[in-house]
Amino acid sequence: MSTKPPTTLHPLTTLTGTHPLTLGPSTYIHLRAHLITTHTPVTIQGYCIIGEKSVIGLQDPSAADRGSAVKEGKEGEVVVVVVELESHISIAPNAVIEASRIGTGTEVCVGAHIGQGAVVGKYCKIGPLCTVAAYEIIPDYTVLYGYNERRIDRSSRGMEGFRRKAVEQQVEVLKRAEGAARRK
């Protein structure tokens, strides 16, 4: 596992697997989150918040056999696909992320499930209990809500800086709160 300070990894976080786990700077991982690197490497870039009891990484041991984790590149070389979370992502409790990539500024709400190999664009919002199917591609600024209904959020274009700043401030508040709790 490689981390860049000041990453906060709660002591009750579960790390499983032998592939690399890379955590970017100012990432905050809540207690009982489960990071799985058994089948693919996992990369979480800076200023990400991983909620309590969330699962990040491929859970299905046969996923590599179906081609989501390992693909054959040019001239027969093997290319390992990474589960990657770009920067400034907020993942709420009980979410399951098996996607190949989650774009910058995306918010994943409580209990959402993003299937293996899926690609979620930048500044998307995946609503509570919504599901993104395996290998599905979600365009930038998409909002999933209700019974997996979708719309493009045109009102948030140009507001990316504010969304990034909000996640940065939330990470700082979480770190201060945890520091205060440890001093008690």
N, C-alpha and C. Protein backbone atom coordinates (compact mmCIF):
# COMPACT_ATOMS: atom_id res chain seq x y z
N MET A 1 0.85 -1.17 0.00
CA MET A 1 0.00 0.00 0.00
C MET A 1 0.89 1.23 0.00
N SER A 2 0.58 2.16 -0.89
CA SER A 2 1.33 3.42 -0.87
C SER A 2 0.35 4.56 -0.61
N THR A 3 0.73 5.43 0.30
CA THR A 3 -0.11 6.58 0.63
C THR A 3 0.74 7.84 0.58
N LYS A 4 0.05 8.95 0.38
CA LYS A 4 0.71 10.25 0.44
C LYS A 4 0.08 11.00 1.59
N PRO A 5 0.88 11.52 2.52
CA PRO A 5 0.31 12.21 3.67
C PRO A 5 -0.43 13.46 3.23
N PRO A 6 -1.37 13.91 3.94
CA PRO A 6 -1.92 13.41 5.19
C PRO A 6 -3.18 12.57 4.96
N THR A 7 -3.04 11.38 4.46
CA THR A 7 -4.16 10.47 4.26
C THR A 7 -4.60 9.93 5.61
N THR A 8 -5.92 9.81 5.81
CA THR A 8 -6.46 9.29 7.06
C THR A 8 -7.15 7.96 6.77
N LEU A 9 -6.61 6.90 7.34
CA LEU A 9 -7.14 5.56 7.18
C LEU A 9 -7.54 5.07 8.56
N HIS A 10 -8.83 4.90 8.80
CA HIS A 10 -9.31 4.49 10.11
C HIS A 10 -8.74 3.11 10.46
N PRO A 11 -8.39 2.89 11.73
CA PRO A 11 -7.81 1.60 12.13
C PRO A 11 -8.72 0.39 11.87
N LEU A 12 -10.02 0.60 11.80
CA LEU A 12 -10.95 -0.51 11.56
C LEU A 12 -11.27 -0.71 10.09
N THR A 13 -10.54 -0.07 9.20
CA THR A 13 -10.71 -0.29 7.77
C THR A 13 -10.11 -1.64 7.41
N THR A 14 -10.80 -2.39 6.56
CA THR A 14 -10.33 -3.71 6.15
C THR A 14 -9.64 -3.61 4.80
N LEU A 15 -8.41 -4.10 4.74
CA LEU A 15 -7.65 -4.14 3.49
C LEU A 15 -7.46 -5.61 3.13
N THR A 16 -7.89 -5.99 1.91
CA THR A 16 -7.82 -7.37 1.48
C THR A 16 -7.15 -7.45 0.13
N GLY A 17 -6.19 -8.36 -0.05
CA GLY A 17 -5.61 -8.61 -1.36
C GLY A 17 -4.13 -8.34 -1.43
N THR A 18 -3.57 -8.69 -2.59
CA THR A 18 -2.13 -8.58 -2.79
C THR A 18 -1.74 -7.58 -3.87
N HIS A 19 -2.70 -7.11 -4.65
CA HIS A 19 -2.39 -6.10 -5.66
C HIS A 19 -2.16 -4.75 -4.97
N PRO A 20 -1.51 -3.81 -5.66
CA PRO A 20 -1.23 -2.51 -5.03
C PRO A 20 -2.50 -1.71 -4.70
N LEU A 21 -2.43 -1.01 -3.59
CA LEU A 21 -3.45 -0.06 -3.18
C LEU A 21 -2.76 1.29 -3.08
N THR A 22 -3.22 2.27 -3.84
CA THR A 22 -2.60 3.59 -3.83
C THR A 22 -3.63 4.61 -3.34
N LEU A 23 -3.26 5.35 -2.30
CA LEU A 23 -4.14 6.37 -1.74
C LEU A 23 -3.49 7.73 -1.93
N GLY A 24 -4.21 8.65 -2.53
CA GLY A 24 -3.70 9.99 -2.76
C GLY A 24 -3.73 10.85 -1.51
N PRO A 25 -3.19 12.07 -1.61
CA PRO A 25 -3.13 12.96 -0.46
C PRO A 25 -4.52 13.42 -0.02
N SER A 26 -4.66 13.63 1.27
CA SER A 26 -5.89 14.14 1.87
C SER A 26 -7.11 13.28 1.57
N THR A 27 -6.91 11.99 1.52
CA THR A 27 -8.02 11.04 1.37
C THR A 27 -8.44 10.62 2.77
N TYR A 28 -9.74 10.50 2.99
CA TYR A 28 -10.26 10.14 4.30
C TYR A 28 -11.10 8.87 4.15
N ILE A 29 -10.72 7.82 4.86
CA ILE A 29 -11.43 6.54 4.78
C ILE A 29 -12.01 6.23 6.16
N HIS A 30 -13.34 6.14 6.21
CA HIS A 30 -14.06 5.90 7.46
C HIS A 30 -13.88 4.47 7.96
N LEU A 31 -14.32 4.25 9.21
CA LEU A 31 -14.22 2.93 9.81
C LEU A 31 -15.06 1.91 9.06
N ARG A 32 -14.61 0.69 9.10
CA ARG A 32 -15.26 -0.47 8.51
C ARG A 32 -15.42 -0.39 6.99
N ALA A 33 -14.72 0.52 6.33
CA ALA A 33 -14.69 0.50 4.87
C ALA A 33 -13.86 -0.72 4.47
N HIS A 34 -14.15 -1.28 3.32
CA HIS A 34 -13.45 -2.48 2.87
C HIS A 34 -12.82 -2.19 1.51
N LEU A 35 -11.49 -2.23 1.45
CA LEU A 35 -10.76 -1.99 0.22
C LEU A 35 -10.20 -3.33 -0.26
N ILE A 36 -10.65 -3.77 -1.44
CA ILE A 36 -10.30 -5.10 -1.94
C ILE A 36 -9.35 -4.98 -3.12
N THR A 37 -8.16 -5.55 -2.97
CA THR A 37 -7.19 -5.58 -4.07
C THR A 37 -6.84 -7.02 -4.43
N THR A 38 -7.75 -7.93 -4.21
CA THR A 38 -7.51 -9.34 -4.50
C THR A 38 -7.38 -9.60 -6.00
N HIS A 39 -8.19 -8.92 -6.80
CA HIS A 39 -8.25 -9.20 -8.24
C HIS A 39 -7.67 -8.10 -9.11
N THR A 40 -7.66 -6.87 -8.63
CA THR A 40 -7.10 -5.75 -9.39
C THR A 40 -6.48 -4.75 -8.42
N PRO A 41 -5.55 -3.94 -8.91
CA PRO A 41 -5.07 -2.82 -8.09
C PRO A 41 -6.20 -1.80 -7.90
N VAL A 42 -6.13 -1.05 -6.81
CA VAL A 42 -7.09 0.01 -6.53
C VAL A 42 -6.31 1.31 -6.35
N THR A 43 -6.74 2.36 -7.06
CA THR A 43 -6.11 3.67 -6.94
C THR A 43 -7.18 4.67 -6.53
N ILE A 44 -6.93 5.37 -5.43
CA ILE A 44 -7.83 6.42 -4.96
C ILE A 44 -7.01 7.70 -4.91
N GLN A 45 -7.37 8.66 -5.75
CA GLN A 45 -6.60 9.90 -5.82
C GLN A 45 -6.98 10.82 -4.66
N GLY A 46 -6.42 12.03 -4.66
CA GLY A 46 -6.54 12.94 -3.54
C GLY A 46 -7.93 13.49 -3.28
N TYR A 47 -8.14 13.86 -2.02
CA TYR A 47 -9.37 14.48 -1.55
C TYR A 47 -10.60 13.63 -1.83
N CYS A 48 -10.51 12.34 -1.55
CA CYS A 48 -11.65 11.45 -1.64
C CYS A 48 -12.12 11.09 -0.25
N ILE A 49 -13.42 10.91 -0.10
CA ILE A 49 -14.01 10.50 1.17
C ILE A 49 -14.71 9.17 0.93
N ILE A 50 -14.28 8.14 1.64
CA ILE A 50 -14.87 6.81 1.52
C ILE A 50 -15.69 6.56 2.78
N GLY A 51 -16.99 6.38 2.62
CA GLY A 51 -17.89 6.26 3.75
C GLY A 51 -17.81 4.93 4.46
N GLU A 52 -18.42 4.92 5.64
CA GLU A 52 -18.44 3.75 6.50
C GLU A 52 -19.11 2.57 5.80
N LYS A 53 -18.53 1.39 5.92
CA LYS A 53 -19.03 0.13 5.37
C LYS A 53 -19.10 0.12 3.84
N SER A 54 -18.40 1.03 3.17
CA SER A 54 -18.34 1.00 1.72
C SER A 54 -17.35 -0.06 1.28
N VAL A 55 -17.56 -0.58 0.08
CA VAL A 55 -16.67 -1.59 -0.49
C VAL A 55 -16.11 -1.05 -1.79
N ILE A 56 -14.78 -1.01 -1.90
CA ILE A 56 -14.11 -0.52 -3.10
C ILE A 56 -13.25 -1.65 -3.64
N GLY A 57 -13.47 -2.05 -4.88
CA GLY A 57 -12.69 -3.11 -5.51
C GLY A 57 -13.58 -4.24 -5.98
N LEU A 58 -13.02 -5.10 -6.84
CA LEU A 58 -13.79 -6.23 -7.36
C LEU A 58 -14.00 -7.27 -6.28
N GLN A 59 -15.24 -7.72 -6.11
CA GLN A 59 -15.56 -8.72 -5.10
C GLN A 59 -15.62 -10.13 -5.67
N ASP A 60 -15.96 -10.24 -6.94
CA ASP A 60 -16.19 -11.53 -7.58
C ASP A 60 -14.87 -12.14 -8.04
N PRO A 61 -14.49 -13.30 -7.53
CA PRO A 61 -13.20 -13.88 -7.91
C PRO A 61 -13.13 -14.28 -9.38
N SER A 62 -14.26 -14.46 -10.03
CA SER A 62 -14.22 -14.85 -11.45
C SER A 62 -14.23 -13.64 -12.37
N ALA A 63 -14.20 -12.43 -11.83
CA ALA A 63 -14.24 -11.23 -12.67
C ALA A 63 -13.02 -11.15 -13.57
N ALA A 64 -11.88 -11.56 -13.07
CA ALA A 64 -10.67 -11.54 -13.89
C ALA A 64 -10.80 -12.49 -15.07
N ASP A 65 -11.50 -13.60 -14.86
CA ASP A 65 -11.67 -14.56 -15.94
C ASP A 65 -12.60 -14.04 -17.03
N ARG A 66 -13.53 -13.16 -16.68
CA ARG A 66 -14.46 -12.62 -17.67
C ARG A 66 -13.92 -11.40 -18.39
N GLY A 67 -12.73 -10.93 -18.01
CA GLY A 67 -12.10 -9.88 -18.77
C GLY A 67 -12.16 -8.50 -18.17
N SER A 68 -12.80 -8.32 -17.03
CA SER A 68 -12.86 -6.96 -16.50
C SER A 68 -11.55 -6.57 -15.82
N ALA A 69 -10.89 -7.52 -15.19
CA ALA A 69 -9.69 -7.19 -14.45
C ALA A 69 -8.43 -7.35 -15.29
N VAL A 70 -8.41 -8.34 -16.14
CA VAL A 70 -7.22 -8.59 -16.94
C VAL A 70 -7.62 -8.64 -18.41
N LYS A 71 -6.94 -7.87 -19.22
CA LYS A 71 -7.21 -7.86 -20.66
C LYS A 71 -5.92 -8.11 -21.40
N GLU A 72 -6.07 -8.62 -22.60
CA GLU A 72 -4.90 -8.88 -23.41
C GLU A 72 -4.64 -7.66 -24.29
N GLY A 73 -3.46 -7.10 -24.18
CA GLY A 73 -3.08 -5.93 -24.97
C GLY A 73 -2.52 -6.34 -26.31
N LYS A 74 -1.88 -5.39 -26.97
CA LYS A 74 -1.29 -5.67 -28.28
C LYS A 74 -0.15 -6.69 -28.13
N GLU A 75 -0.03 -7.53 -29.10
CA GLU A 75 1.00 -8.57 -29.15
C GLU A 75 0.97 -9.50 -27.95
N GLY A 76 -0.23 -9.76 -27.42
CA GLY A 76 -0.39 -10.76 -26.37
C GLY A 76 0.01 -10.34 -24.97
N GLU A 77 0.43 -9.08 -24.75
CA GLU A 77 0.81 -8.67 -23.41
C GLU A 77 -0.43 -8.56 -22.54
N VAL A 78 -0.28 -8.82 -21.25
CA VAL A 78 -1.38 -8.76 -20.32
C VAL A 78 -1.42 -7.37 -19.68
N VAL A 79 -2.59 -6.75 -19.71
CA VAL A 79 -2.78 -5.44 -19.12
C VAL A 79 -3.78 -5.57 -17.98
N VAL A 80 -3.37 -5.18 -16.78
CA VAL A 80 -4.26 -5.25 -15.62
C VAL A 80 -5.04 -3.94 -15.52
N VAL A 81 -6.35 -4.06 -15.47
CA VAL A 81 -7.21 -2.89 -15.37
C VAL A 81 -7.35 -2.51 -13.90
N VAL A 82 -7.26 -1.23 -13.60
CA VAL A 82 -7.28 -0.74 -12.23
C VAL A 82 -8.68 -0.23 -11.87
N VAL A 83 -9.10 -0.45 -10.63
CA VAL A 83 -10.28 0.22 -10.10
C VAL A 83 -9.76 1.58 -9.66
N GLU A 84 -10.20 2.65 -10.33
CA GLU A 84 -9.63 3.97 -10.07
C GLU A 84 -10.71 4.98 -9.69
N LEU A 85 -10.46 5.67 -8.59
CA LEU A 85 -11.31 6.78 -8.18
C LEU A 85 -10.48 8.04 -8.34
N GLU A 86 -10.94 8.95 -9.21
CA GLU A 86 -10.22 10.19 -9.41
C GLU A 86 -10.43 11.10 -8.20
N SER A 87 -9.93 12.32 -8.25
CA SER A 87 -9.94 13.19 -7.08
C SER A 87 -11.32 13.79 -6.77
N HIS A 88 -11.46 14.23 -5.52
CA HIS A 88 -12.64 14.97 -5.03
C HIS A 88 -13.93 14.17 -5.16
N ILE A 89 -13.87 12.90 -4.80
CA ILE A 89 -15.05 12.02 -4.86
C ILE A 89 -15.55 11.77 -3.45
N SER A 90 -16.85 11.78 -3.30
CA SER A 90 -17.48 11.50 -2.01
C SER A 90 -18.32 10.24 -2.15
N ILE A 91 -18.00 9.23 -1.35
CA ILE A 91 -18.74 7.97 -1.39
C ILE A 91 -19.41 7.79 -0.03
N ALA A 92 -20.73 7.70 -0.04
CA ALA A 92 -21.52 7.58 1.20
C ALA A 92 -21.44 6.15 1.74
N PRO A 93 -21.91 5.95 2.97
CA PRO A 93 -21.87 4.61 3.58
C PRO A 93 -22.62 3.56 2.76
N ASN A 94 -22.14 2.33 2.87
CA ASN A 94 -22.74 1.14 2.26
C ASN A 94 -22.74 1.13 0.74
N ALA A 95 -21.98 1.98 0.10
CA ALA A 95 -21.88 1.96 -1.35
C ALA A 95 -20.90 0.86 -1.76
N VAL A 96 -21.12 0.30 -2.95
CA VAL A 96 -20.23 -0.73 -3.49
C VAL A 96 -19.72 -0.22 -4.83
N ILE A 97 -18.38 -0.12 -4.94
CA ILE A 97 -17.75 0.42 -6.14
C ILE A 97 -16.86 -0.66 -6.74
N GLU A 98 -17.25 -1.18 -7.90
CA GLU A 98 -16.43 -2.14 -8.63
C GLU A 98 -16.05 -1.57 -10.00
N ALA A 99 -16.30 -0.32 -10.21
CA ALA A 99 -16.10 0.33 -11.51
C ALA A 99 -14.64 0.41 -11.90
N SER A 100 -14.39 0.52 -13.20
CA SER A 100 -13.03 0.75 -13.68
C SER A 100 -12.58 2.16 -13.34
N ARG A 101 -13.51 3.12 -13.46
CA ARG A 101 -13.14 4.51 -13.19
C ARG A 101 -14.35 5.30 -12.73
N ILE A 102 -14.13 6.12 -11.71
CA ILE A 102 -15.12 7.09 -11.24
C ILE A 102 -14.48 8.46 -11.45
N GLY A 103 -15.14 9.33 -12.18
CA GLY A 103 -14.58 10.63 -12.55
C GLY A 103 -14.53 11.63 -11.40
N THR A 104 -13.70 12.63 -11.57
CA THR A 104 -13.50 13.70 -10.60
C THR A 104 -14.82 14.35 -10.19
N GLY A 105 -14.96 14.62 -8.90
CA GLY A 105 -16.12 15.37 -8.41
C GLY A 105 -17.41 14.60 -8.33
N THR A 106 -17.38 13.30 -8.52
CA THR A 106 -18.60 12.49 -8.49
C THR A 106 -19.01 12.22 -7.05
N GLU A 107 -20.31 12.18 -6.84
CA GLU A 107 -20.87 11.86 -5.53
C GLU A 107 -21.66 10.57 -5.65
N VAL A 108 -21.35 9.60 -4.79
CA VAL A 108 -22.04 8.31 -4.77
C VAL A 108 -22.79 8.25 -3.45
N CYS A 109 -24.12 8.13 -3.52
CA CYS A 109 -24.95 8.20 -2.31
C CYS A 109 -25.10 6.84 -1.64
N VAL A 110 -25.78 6.84 -0.51
CA VAL A 110 -25.94 5.68 0.36
C VAL A 110 -26.48 4.47 -0.39
N GLY A 111 -25.79 3.34 -0.24
CA GLY A 111 -26.27 2.08 -0.78
C GLY A 111 -26.20 1.93 -2.29
N ALA A 112 -25.60 2.86 -2.98
CA ALA A 112 -25.50 2.75 -4.44
C ALA A 112 -24.53 1.63 -4.80
N HIS A 113 -24.72 1.04 -5.96
CA HIS A 113 -23.84 -0.04 -6.43
C HIS A 113 -23.41 0.29 -7.85
N ILE A 114 -22.10 0.36 -8.05
CA ILE A 114 -21.55 0.60 -9.39
C ILE A 114 -20.85 -0.67 -9.81
N GLY A 115 -21.38 -1.32 -10.84
CA GLY A 115 -20.93 -2.64 -11.27
C GLY A 115 -19.52 -2.65 -11.85
N GLN A 116 -18.97 -3.84 -11.93
CA GLN A 116 -17.59 -4.00 -12.38
C GLN A 116 -17.42 -3.54 -13.83
N GLY A 117 -16.31 -2.88 -14.06
CA GLY A 117 -15.98 -2.42 -15.39
C GLY A 117 -16.72 -1.17 -15.83
N ALA A 118 -17.64 -0.66 -15.02
CA ALA A 118 -18.39 0.55 -15.38
C ALA A 118 -17.46 1.76 -15.35
N VAL A 119 -17.81 2.77 -16.14
CA VAL A 119 -17.06 4.02 -16.16
C VAL A 119 -18.06 5.14 -15.89
N VAL A 120 -17.82 5.88 -14.81
CA VAL A 120 -18.69 6.99 -14.43
C VAL A 120 -17.93 8.28 -14.72
N GLY A 121 -18.57 9.20 -15.43
CA GLY A 121 -17.92 10.45 -15.83
C GLY A 121 -17.70 11.41 -14.67
N LYS A 122 -17.24 12.59 -15.02
CA LYS A 122 -16.93 13.61 -14.02
C LYS A 122 -18.21 14.30 -13.54
N TYR A 123 -18.20 14.69 -12.27
CA TYR A 123 -19.26 15.49 -11.64
C TYR A 123 -20.63 14.84 -11.78
N CYS A 124 -20.69 13.54 -11.64
CA CYS A 124 -21.96 12.82 -11.66
C CYS A 124 -22.48 12.66 -10.23
N LYS A 125 -23.75 12.33 -10.12
CA LYS A 125 -24.32 12.01 -8.82
C LYS A 125 -25.11 10.72 -8.98
N ILE A 126 -24.72 9.72 -8.21
CA ILE A 126 -25.41 8.43 -8.22
C ILE A 126 -26.25 8.42 -6.96
N GLY A 127 -27.56 8.46 -7.11
CA GLY A 127 -28.49 8.60 -5.99
C GLY A 127 -28.53 7.39 -5.07
N PRO A 128 -29.22 7.53 -3.93
CA PRO A 128 -29.33 6.44 -2.97
C PRO A 128 -29.93 5.19 -3.59
N LEU A 129 -29.30 4.06 -3.33
CA LEU A 129 -29.74 2.74 -3.78
C LEU A 129 -29.81 2.57 -5.29
N CYS A 130 -29.23 3.48 -6.06
CA CYS A 130 -29.21 3.35 -7.52
C CYS A 130 -28.12 2.37 -7.93
N THR A 131 -28.29 1.78 -9.09
CA THR A 131 -27.34 0.78 -9.59
C THR A 131 -26.87 1.16 -10.98
N VAL A 132 -25.55 1.10 -11.17
CA VAL A 132 -24.95 1.25 -12.48
C VAL A 132 -24.53 -0.15 -12.91
N ALA A 133 -25.03 -0.60 -14.06
CA ALA A 133 -24.77 -1.97 -14.51
C ALA A 133 -23.30 -2.18 -14.84
N ALA A 134 -22.87 -3.41 -14.84
CA ALA A 134 -21.50 -3.76 -15.20
C ALA A 134 -21.21 -3.28 -16.62
N TYR A 135 -20.05 -2.72 -16.80
CA TYR A 135 -19.53 -2.24 -18.09
C TYR A 135 -20.32 -1.08 -18.69
N GLU A 136 -21.19 -0.47 -17.93
CA GLU A 136 -21.97 0.67 -18.42
C GLU A 136 -21.11 1.93 -18.38
N ILE A 137 -21.34 2.83 -19.31
CA ILE A 137 -20.62 4.10 -19.35
C ILE A 137 -21.61 5.22 -19.06
N ILE A 138 -21.32 6.00 -18.02
CA ILE A 138 -22.18 7.11 -17.60
C ILE A 138 -21.48 8.40 -18.02
N PRO A 139 -22.11 9.25 -18.84
CA PRO A 139 -21.46 10.50 -19.27
C PRO A 139 -21.28 11.51 -18.13
N ASP A 140 -20.42 12.50 -18.35
CA ASP A 140 -20.18 13.57 -17.37
C ASP A 140 -21.49 14.26 -17.02
N TYR A 141 -21.60 14.73 -15.78
CA TYR A 141 -22.72 15.52 -15.25
C TYR A 141 -24.05 14.76 -15.21
N THR A 142 -24.02 13.45 -15.23
CA THR A 142 -25.26 12.67 -15.19
C THR A 142 -25.71 12.49 -13.74
N VAL A 143 -27.01 12.57 -13.53
CA VAL A 143 -27.60 12.32 -12.22
C VAL A 143 -28.48 11.08 -12.35
N LEU A 144 -28.21 10.05 -11.54
CA LEU A 144 -29.07 8.87 -11.45
C LEU A 144 -29.92 9.04 -10.21
N TYR A 145 -31.22 8.81 -10.33
CA TYR A 145 -32.12 9.00 -9.20
C TYR A 145 -33.29 8.03 -9.32
N GLY A 146 -34.07 7.92 -8.25
CA GLY A 146 -35.26 7.08 -8.26
C GLY A 146 -34.95 5.64 -8.65
N TYR A 147 -35.69 5.14 -9.60
CA TYR A 147 -35.48 3.77 -10.08
C TYR A 147 -34.53 3.80 -11.28
N ASN A 148 -33.32 4.28 -11.03
CA ASN A 148 -32.26 4.39 -12.03
C ASN A 148 -32.65 5.26 -13.22
N GLU A 149 -33.46 6.28 -12.96
CA GLU A 149 -33.75 7.26 -14.00
C GLU A 149 -32.55 8.19 -14.11
N ARG A 150 -32.38 8.82 -15.27
CA ARG A 150 -31.20 9.64 -15.52
C ARG A 150 -31.57 10.97 -16.14
N ARG A 151 -30.71 11.94 -15.83
CA ARG A 151 -30.80 13.23 -16.48
C ARG A 151 -29.41 13.85 -16.47
N ILE A 152 -29.19 14.79 -17.37
CA ILE A 152 -27.92 15.53 -17.40
C ILE A 152 -28.14 16.82 -16.62
N ASP A 153 -27.27 17.08 -15.64
CA ASP A 153 -27.38 18.27 -14.80
C ASP A 153 -26.64 19.43 -15.46
N ARG A 154 -27.35 20.21 -16.23
CA ARG A 154 -26.74 21.34 -16.94
C ARG A 154 -26.49 22.54 -16.01
N SER A 155 -27.17 22.57 -14.88
CA SER A 155 -27.03 23.71 -13.97
C SER A 155 -25.70 23.70 -13.21
N SER A 156 -25.05 22.54 -13.12
CA SER A 156 -23.81 22.48 -12.34
C SER A 156 -22.56 22.75 -13.16
N ARG A 157 -22.72 22.93 -14.46
CA ARG A 157 -21.55 23.26 -15.28
C ARG A 157 -21.05 24.64 -14.88
N GLY A 158 -19.76 24.75 -14.73
CA GLY A 158 -19.17 26.00 -14.27
C GLY A 158 -19.07 26.09 -12.76
N MET A 159 -19.62 25.11 -12.06
CA MET A 159 -19.60 25.09 -10.59
C MET A 159 -18.59 24.08 -10.06
N GLU A 160 -17.75 23.54 -10.93
CA GLU A 160 -16.83 22.47 -10.54
C GLU A 160 -15.91 22.90 -9.41
N GLY A 161 -15.41 24.12 -9.46
CA GLY A 161 -14.51 24.62 -8.43
C GLY A 161 -15.16 24.63 -7.06
N PHE A 162 -16.44 24.99 -7.01
CA PHE A 162 -17.16 25.01 -5.74
C PHE A 162 -17.35 23.59 -5.21
N ARG A 163 -17.62 22.64 -6.09
CA ARG A 163 -17.80 21.26 -5.66
C ARG A 163 -16.49 20.69 -5.12
N ARG A 164 -15.39 20.99 -5.79
CA ARG A 164 -14.08 20.52 -5.31
C ARG A 164 -13.76 21.13 -3.95
N LYS A 165 -14.02 22.42 -3.81
CA LYS A 165 -13.74 23.12 -2.54
C LYS A 165 -14.60 22.54 -1.41
N ALA A 166 -15.85 22.19 -1.71
CA ALA A 166 -16.73 21.62 -0.68
C ALA A 166 -16.18 20.29 -0.17
N VAL A 167 -15.67 19.44 -1.07
CA VAL A 167 -15.09 18.16 -0.64
C VAL A 167 -13.82 18.40 0.17
N GLU A 168 -12.99 19.34 -0.26
CA GLU A 168 -11.76 19.66 0.49
C GLU A 168 -12.09 20.12 1.90
N GLN A 169 -13.10 20.98 2.04
CA GLN A 169 -13.49 21.45 3.37
C GLN A 169 -14.06 20.31 4.22
N GLN A 170 -14.82 19.41 3.59
CA GLN A 170 -15.37 18.28 4.32
C GLN A 170 -14.26 17.37 4.84
N VAL A 171 -13.22 17.13 4.03
CA VAL A 171 -12.08 16.32 4.47
C VAL A 171 -11.40 16.98 5.67
N GLU A 172 -11.20 18.29 5.61
CA GLU A 172 -10.54 19.00 6.72
C GLU A 172 -11.37 18.92 8.00
N VAL A 173 -12.69 19.05 7.90
CA VAL A 173 -13.56 18.96 9.07
C VAL A 173 -13.49 17.55 9.67
N LEU A 174 -13.52 16.52 8.81
CA LEU A 174 -13.43 15.15 9.30
C LEU A 174 -12.11 14.90 10.04
N LYS A 175 -11.02 15.42 9.50
CA LYS A 175 -9.71 15.24 10.15
C LYS A 175 -9.67 15.93 11.51
N ARG A 176 -10.21 17.16 11.57
CA ARG A 176 -10.23 17.88 12.85
C ARG A 176 -11.10 17.16 13.87
N ALA A 177 -12.26 16.67 13.43
CA ALA A 177 -13.16 15.96 14.34
C ALA A 177 -12.52 14.68 14.87
N GLU A 178 -11.83 13.96 14.01
CA GLU A 178 -11.16 12.74 14.45
C GLU A 178 -10.03 13.05 15.41
N GLY A 179 -9.27 14.11 15.12
CA GLY A 179 -8.19 14.52 16.02
C GLY A 179 -8.72 14.90 17.39
N ALA A 180 -9.86 15.60 17.43
CA ALA A 180 -10.45 15.99 18.70
C ALA A 180 -10.95 14.77 19.46
N ALA A 181 -11.50 13.80 18.76
CA ALA A 181 -12.00 12.58 19.41
C ALA A 181 -10.85 11.75 20.00
N ARG A 182 -9.71 11.74 19.32
CA ARG A 182 -8.56 10.98 19.83
C ARG A 182 -7.96 11.63 21.07
N ARG A 183 -8.08 12.95 21.19
CA ARG A 183 -7.51 13.65 22.35
C ARG A 183 -8.34 13.44 23.60
N LYS A 184 -9.60 13.02 23.49
CA LYS A 184 -10.47 12.84 24.65
C LYS A 184 -10.05 11.68 25.48
